[in-house]
Protein backbone atom coordinates (compact mmCIF):
# COMPACT_ATOMS: atom_id res chain seq x y z
CA ASN A 1 -1.81 0.71 13.94
CA ASN A 2 -4.02 2.71 11.54
CA VAL A 3 -2.44 3.96 8.40
CA HIS A 4 -4.22 6.45 6.03
CA GLY A 5 -3.70 5.84 2.26
CA VAL A 6 -5.08 5.35 -1.10
CA LEU A 7 -6.50 1.71 -2.02
CA TYR A 8 -6.35 0.81 -5.96
CA THR A 9 -7.61 -2.08 -7.88
CA LEU A 10 -5.04 -3.25 -10.04
CA SER A 11 -5.12 -5.79 -13.04
CA GLU A 12 -3.15 -9.09 -12.54
CA ASP A 13 -0.79 -7.62 -15.14
CA ASP A 14 -0.20 -4.02 -13.13
CA PHE A 15 -0.03 -5.91 -9.70
CA ALA A 16 2.85 -8.09 -11.21
CA LYS A 17 4.25 -4.46 -12.87
CA VAL A 18 4.47 -3.10 -9.39
CA GLY A 19 5.78 -5.92 -8.11
CA ARG A 20 8.66 -6.24 -10.35
CA SER A 21 9.39 -2.62 -10.24
CA GLU A 22 9.97 -2.79 -6.49
CA GLY A 23 11.96 -6.16 -6.67
CA VAL A 24 9.78 -8.32 -5.09
CA PRO A 25 10.57 -10.52 -3.09
CA PHE A 26 14.27 -9.07 -2.98
CA GLY A 27 13.78 -5.50 -1.97
CA TYR A 28 9.95 -5.50 -1.00
CA ARG A 29 7.31 -8.51 -0.09
CA TRP A 30 3.51 -8.89 -0.43
CA GLN A 31 1.55 -8.57 2.59
CA ARG A 32 -1.89 -9.33 3.11
CA CYS A 33 -3.70 -6.85 5.15
CA GLN A 34 -7.49 -5.65 5.81
CA VAL A 35 -8.55 -1.73 4.79
CA PHE A 36 -11.72 0.08 5.42
CA PRO A 37 -12.16 2.50 2.79
CA TYR A 38 -13.29 6.02 3.20
CA ILE A 39 -16.92 6.66 2.02
CA GLY A 40 -18.23 10.19 2.18
CA ASP A 41 -18.14 13.50 0.47
CA GLY A 42 -14.67 14.79 1.10
CA LYS A 43 -15.84 16.62 4.36
CA LYS A 44 -16.75 13.52 6.58
CA ALA A 45 -14.59 10.76 4.50
CA GLY A 46 -13.37 8.60 6.97
CA CYS A 47 -15.29 9.19 9.97
CA GLU A 48 -17.74 6.12 9.54
CA ALA A 49 -15.18 3.98 8.01
CA LEU A 50 -14.50 1.57 10.87
CA SER A 51 -18.33 0.83 11.22
CA GLN A 52 -17.63 -0.51 7.41
CA LYS A 53 -16.63 -4.17 6.31
CA ALA A 54 -13.01 -4.59 5.95
CA VAL A 55 -11.76 -5.14 2.37
CA PRO A 56 -9.08 -7.60 1.73
CA ALA A 57 -5.92 -5.79 -0.06
CA TYR A 58 -2.04 -6.14 0.08
CA THR A 59 0.92 -3.94 0.58
CA LEU A 60 4.57 -3.73 0.00
CA VAL A 61 6.70 -4.37 2.96
CA SER A 62 10.43 -3.72 3.15
CA SER A 63 12.28 -6.87 3.17
CA PHE A 64 15.25 -5.10 4.88
CA LEU A 65 15.97 -2.38 7.56
CA SER A 66 17.61 0.93 6.87
CA THR A 67 21.06 0.27 8.20
CA THR A 68 21.31 3.95 9.41
CA THR A 69 17.96 4.29 10.83
CA LYS A 70 16.88 0.67 11.55
CA LYS A 71 13.41 1.35 9.93
CA ASP A 72 11.62 0.18 7.11
CA ILE A 73 12.81 1.47 3.78
CA PRO A 74 10.39 3.83 2.23
CA PRO A 75 9.13 3.00 -1.37
CA SER A 76 11.17 4.26 -4.62
CA ARG A 77 10.13 7.22 -6.27
CA ALA A 78 9.54 4.93 -9.70
CA TYR A 79 7.26 3.05 -7.20
CA ARG A 80 5.22 6.17 -6.48
CA ASP A 81 5.49 7.54 -10.04
CA LEU A 82 3.82 4.23 -11.24
CA ILE A 83 0.91 4.48 -8.80
CA VAL A 84 0.60 7.98 -9.43
CA ARG A 85 -0.06 7.38 -13.14
């Protein structure tokens, strides 16, 4: 599966703050992953990403599935706002 997104470098304090805001380990859990950062000028960014070395990272994964859709629960607005800041 390929997912396009944003990669941030966080301090230990900010990493912990994100975890607390999302209720880790109750609402979400941390999952290690490998990412391929985009390199480019905005016109060709991502075209050669898979030819670059993978970078270790973490992502948040829902600890539960939605009872109505049976899919992962999306991130909260508070989490999105914290990351955007």
